[in-house]
């Protein structure tokens, strides 16, 4: 079984025009492929065709094709795209979620070990 990184740059030949490099870069940065293609063509016109065309073909041969089963579902894909865009924000958000879960767990633990819980449990037992 091969490991496929969810934060890696892939080419997407099925969505691409030539080799799928622009589609892959657009997917990586969560952009529209059409917009990126237009920007690439304008950059080729204003900077010279050969250097960017060379980089395009090098990426076309160097990048792996994006696996079809890279993400489990749409939420998984959205999470990993957000992680690529702002990894610091995502890490801070995860720390906050874990703090929140830890606080709620501590509150439940405090309630479950309290005298009040034991009393309520005994009273509920009398009702049955």
C-alpha atoms as a PDB file:
ATOM      1  CA  UNK A   1       0.000   0.000   0.000  1.00  0.00           C
ATOM      2  CA  UNK A   2       1.415   3.373  -0.944  1.00  0.00           C
ATOM      3  CA  UNK A   3       1.117   6.454   1.191  1.00  0.00           C
ATOM      4  CA  UNK A   4      -0.337   9.495  -0.562  1.00  0.00           C
ATOM      5  CA  UNK A   5       0.221  12.831   1.094  1.00  0.00           C
ATOM      6  CA  UNK A   6      -2.870  15.013   1.254  1.00  0.00           C
ATOM      7  CA  UNK A   7      -0.763  18.174   1.302  1.00  0.00           C
ATOM      8  CA  UNK A   8       1.374  17.276  -1.701  1.00  0.00           C
ATOM      9  CA  UNK A   9       1.188  18.941  -5.127  1.00  0.00           C
ATOM     10  CA  UNK A  10      -0.205  16.591  -7.780  1.00  0.00           C
ATOM     11  CA  UNK A  11      -1.044  16.995 -11.443  1.00  0.00           C
ATOM     12  CA  UNK A  12      -4.590  16.159 -12.542  1.00  0.00           C
ATOM     13  CA  UNK A  13      -4.457  14.921 -16.148  1.00  0.00           C
ATOM     14  CA  UNK A  14      -8.189  14.166 -16.287  1.00  0.00           C
ATOM     15  CA  UNK A  15      -9.053  17.833 -15.636  1.00  0.00           C
ATOM     16  CA  UNK A  16      -6.120  19.340 -17.528  1.00  0.00           C
ATOM     17  CA  UNK A  17      -5.725  20.597 -21.072  1.00  0.00           C
ATOM     18  CA  UNK A  18      -2.180  19.415 -21.750  1.00  0.00           C
ATOM     19  CA  UNK A  19      -0.630  17.508 -18.842  1.00  0.00           C
ATOM     20  CA  UNK A  20      -2.839  18.586 -15.940  1.00  0.00           C
ATOM     21  CA  UNK A  21      -0.222  20.798 -14.264  1.00  0.00           C
ATOM     22  CA  UNK A  22      -2.402  23.934 -14.113  1.00  0.00           C
ATOM     23  CA  UNK A  23      -5.344  21.869 -12.849  1.00  0.00           C
ATOM     24  CA  UNK A  24      -3.131  20.377 -10.134  1.00  0.00           C
ATOM     25  CA  UNK A  25      -1.683  23.727  -9.078  1.00  0.00           C
ATOM     26  CA  UNK A  26      -5.175  25.244  -9.063  1.00  0.00           C
ATOM     27  CA  UNK A  27      -6.446  22.385  -6.892  1.00  0.00           C
ATOM     28  CA  UNK A  28      -3.477  22.766  -4.538  1.00  0.00           C
ATOM     29  CA  UNK A  29      -4.119  26.488  -4.024  1.00  0.00           C
ATOM     30  CA  UNK A  30      -7.929  26.053  -4.185  1.00  0.00           C
ATOM     31  CA  UNK A  31      -8.334  28.242  -7.268  1.00  0.00           C
ATOM     32  CA  UNK A  32     -10.294  27.911 -10.478  1.00  0.00           C
ATOM     33  CA  UNK A  33      -8.183  26.151 -13.147  1.00  0.00           C
ATOM     34  CA  UNK A  34      -9.446  28.523 -15.849  1.00  0.00           C
ATOM     35  CA  UNK A  35      -8.187  31.549 -13.900  1.00  0.00           C
ATOM     36  CA  UNK A  36      -4.784  29.926 -13.376  1.00  0.00           C
ATOM     37  CA  UNK A  37      -4.508  29.025 -17.086  1.00  0.00           C
ATOM     38  CA  UNK A  38      -5.212  32.629 -18.061  1.00  0.00           C
ATOM     39  CA  UNK A  39      -2.626  33.879 -15.562  1.00  0.00           C
ATOM     40  CA  UNK A  40      -0.101  31.356 -16.893  1.00  0.00           C
ATOM     41  CA  UNK A  41      -0.652  32.439 -20.502  1.00  0.00           C
ATOM     42  CA  UNK A  42      -0.333  36.126 -19.558  1.00  0.00           C
ATOM     43  CA  UNK A  43       2.857  35.361 -17.622  1.00  0.00           C
ATOM     44  CA  UNK A  44       4.247  33.518 -20.656  1.00  0.00           C
ATOM     45  CA  UNK A  45       3.466  36.476 -22.913  1.00  0.00           C
ATOM     46  CA  UNK A  46       5.021  39.088 -20.618  1.00  0.00           C
ATOM     47  CA  UNK A  47       8.058  37.140 -19.399  1.00  0.00           C
ATOM     48  CA  UNK A  48       8.904  35.065 -22.420  1.00  0.00           C
ATOM     49  CA  UNK A  49       7.463  31.764 -23.475  1.00  0.00           C
ATOM     50  CA  UNK A  50      10.443  29.404 -23.120  1.00  0.00           C
ATOM     51  CA  UNK A  51      11.275  29.620 -19.396  1.00  0.00           C
ATOM     52  CA  UNK A  52       7.707  29.073 -18.207  1.00  0.00           C
ATOM     53  CA  UNK A  53       7.041  26.450 -20.855  1.00  0.00           C
ATOM     54  CA  UNK A  54      10.177  24.612 -19.682  1.00  0.00           C
ATOM     55  CA  UNK A  55       9.000  24.770 -16.047  1.00  0.00           C
ATOM     56  CA  UNK A  56       5.551  23.554 -17.103  1.00  0.00           C
ATOM     57  CA  UNK A  57       6.929  20.469 -18.851  1.00  0.00           C
ATOM     58  CA  UNK A  58       9.375  19.714 -16.026  1.00  0.00           C
ATOM     59  CA  UNK A  59       6.442  19.797 -13.575  1.00  0.00           C
ATOM     60  CA  UNK A  60       4.371  17.737 -15.997  1.00  0.00           C
ATOM     61  CA  UNK A  61       6.942  14.945 -15.937  1.00  0.00           C
ATOM     62  CA  UNK A  62       8.009  15.315 -12.285  1.00  0.00           C
ATOM     63  CA  UNK A  63       4.620  15.480 -10.554  1.00  0.00           C
ATOM     64  CA  UNK A  64       2.623  12.363  -9.752  1.00  0.00           C
ATOM     65  CA  UNK A  65      -0.989  12.086 -10.861  1.00  0.00           C
ATOM     66  CA  UNK A  66      -3.532  12.775  -8.154  1.00  0.00           C
ATOM     67  CA  UNK A  67      -4.946   9.506  -6.774  1.00  0.00           C
ATOM     68  CA  UNK A  68      -8.702   9.127  -6.978  1.00  0.00           C
ATOM     69  CA  UNK A  69      -9.015   7.912  -3.383  1.00  0.00           C
ATOM     70  CA  UNK A  70      -6.908  10.663  -1.787  1.00  0.00           C
ATOM     71  CA  UNK A  71      -9.735  12.001   0.394  1.00  0.00           C
ATOM     72  CA  UNK A  72     -12.370  10.021   2.286  1.00  0.00           C
ATOM     73  CA  UNK A  73     -15.177  12.544   1.714  1.00  0.00           C
ATOM     74  CA  UNK A  74     -15.836  16.223   0.942  1.00  0.00           C
ATOM     75  CA  UNK A  75     -15.259  17.288   4.564  1.00  0.00           C
ATOM     76  CA  UNK A  76     -11.876  15.557   4.565  1.00  0.00           C
ATOM     77  CA  UNK A  77     -10.923  17.351   1.339  1.00  0.00           C
ATOM     78  CA  UNK A  78     -12.037  20.736   2.715  1.00  0.00           C
ATOM     79  CA  UNK A  79     -10.003  20.160   5.901  1.00  0.00           C
ATOM     80  CA  UNK A  80      -6.806  19.340   4.010  1.00  0.00           C
ATOM     81  CA  UNK A  81      -7.229  22.278   1.618  1.00  0.00           C
ATOM     82  CA  UNK A  82      -7.631  24.584   4.612  1.00  0.00           C
ATOM     83  CA  UNK A  83      -4.531  23.017   6.151  1.00  0.00           C
ATOM     84  CA  UNK A  84      -2.520  23.786   3.016  1.00  0.00           C
ATOM     85  CA  UNK A  85      -3.737  27.381   2.950  1.00  0.00           C
ATOM     86  CA  UNK A  86      -3.176  28.263   6.604  1.00  0.00           C
ATOM     87  CA  UNK A  87      -1.427  25.542   8.605  1.00  0.00           C
ATOM     88  CA  UNK A  88      -0.849  27.820  11.611  1.00  0.00           C
ATOM     89  CA  UNK A  89      -4.539  28.713  11.797  1.00  0.00           C
ATOM     90  CA  UNK A  90      -5.527  25.052  11.524  1.00  0.00           C
ATOM     91  CA  UNK A  91      -3.117  24.053  14.302  1.00  0.00           C
ATOM     92  CA  UNK A  92      -4.475  26.822  16.551  1.00  0.00           C
ATOM     93  CA  UNK A  93      -8.027  25.741  15.766  1.00  0.00           C
ATOM     94  CA  UNK A  94      -7.196  22.121  16.640  1.00  0.00           C
ATOM     95  CA  UNK A  95      -5.562  23.190  19.925  1.00  0.00           C
ATOM     96  CA  UNK A  96      -8.707  25.162  20.789  1.00  0.00           C
ATOM     97  CA  UNK A  97     -10.934  22.172  19.992  1.00  0.00           C
ATOM     98  CA  UNK A  98      -8.827  19.887  22.182  1.00  0.00           C
ATOM     99  CA  UNK A  99      -8.915  22.405  25.050  1.00  0.00           C
ATOM    100  CA  UNK A 100     -12.683  22.587  24.678  1.00  0.00           C
ATOM    101  CA  UNK A 101     -13.031  18.786  24.741  1.00  0.00           C
ATOM    102  CA  UNK A 102     -10.704  18.554  27.739  1.00  0.00           C
ATOM    103  CA  UNK A 103     -12.755  21.154  29.632  1.00  0.00           C
ATOM    104  CA  UNK A 104     -16.032  19.353  28.897  1.00  0.00           C
ATOM    105  CA  UNK A 105     -14.524  16.003  29.879  1.00  0.00           C
ATOM    106  CA  UNK A 106     -13.294  17.496  33.152  1.00  0.00           C
ATOM    107  CA  UNK A 107     -16.769  18.907  33.841  1.00  0.00           C
ATOM    108  CA  UNK A 108     -18.393  15.510  33.172  1.00  0.00           C
ATOM    109  CA  UNK A 109     -15.812  13.760  35.340  1.00  0.00           C
ATOM    110  CA  UNK A 110     -16.393  16.229  38.174  1.00  0.00           C
ATOM    111  CA  UNK A 111     -20.162  15.663  37.953  1.00  0.00           C
ATOM    112  CA  UNK A 112     -19.866  11.865  37.772  1.00  0.00           C
ATOM    113  CA  UNK A 113     -17.699  11.751  40.906  1.00  0.00           C
ATOM    114  CA  UNK A 114     -19.792  14.251  42.860  1.00  0.00           C
ATOM    115  CA  UNK A 115     -22.130  13.459  45.737  1.00  0.00           C
ATOM    116  CA  UNK A 116     -24.958  15.085  43.808  1.00  0.00           C
ATOM    117  CA  UNK A 117     -24.669  12.493  41.003  1.00  0.00           C
ATOM    118  CA  UNK A 118     -24.719   9.627  43.498  1.00  0.00           C
ATOM    119  CA  UNK A 119     -27.765  11.095  45.243  1.00  0.00           C
ATOM    120  CA  UNK A 120     -29.635  11.641  41.956  1.00  0.00           C
ATOM    121  CA  UNK A 121     -28.793   8.096  40.861  1.00  0.00           C
ATOM    122  CA  UNK A 122     -30.160   6.672  44.124  1.00  0.00           C
ATOM    123  CA  UNK A 123     -33.318   8.789  43.856  1.00  0.00           C
ATOM    124  CA  UNK A 124     -33.852   7.624  40.262  1.00  0.00           C
ATOM    125  CA  UNK A 125     -33.388   4.057  41.489  1.00  0.00           C
ATOM    126  CA  UNK A 126     -36.193   4.562  44.016  1.00  0.00           C
ATOM    127  CA  UNK A 127     -38.562   5.770  41.312  1.00  0.00           C
ATOM    128  CA  UNK A 128     -38.102   2.564  39.308  1.00  0.00           C
END
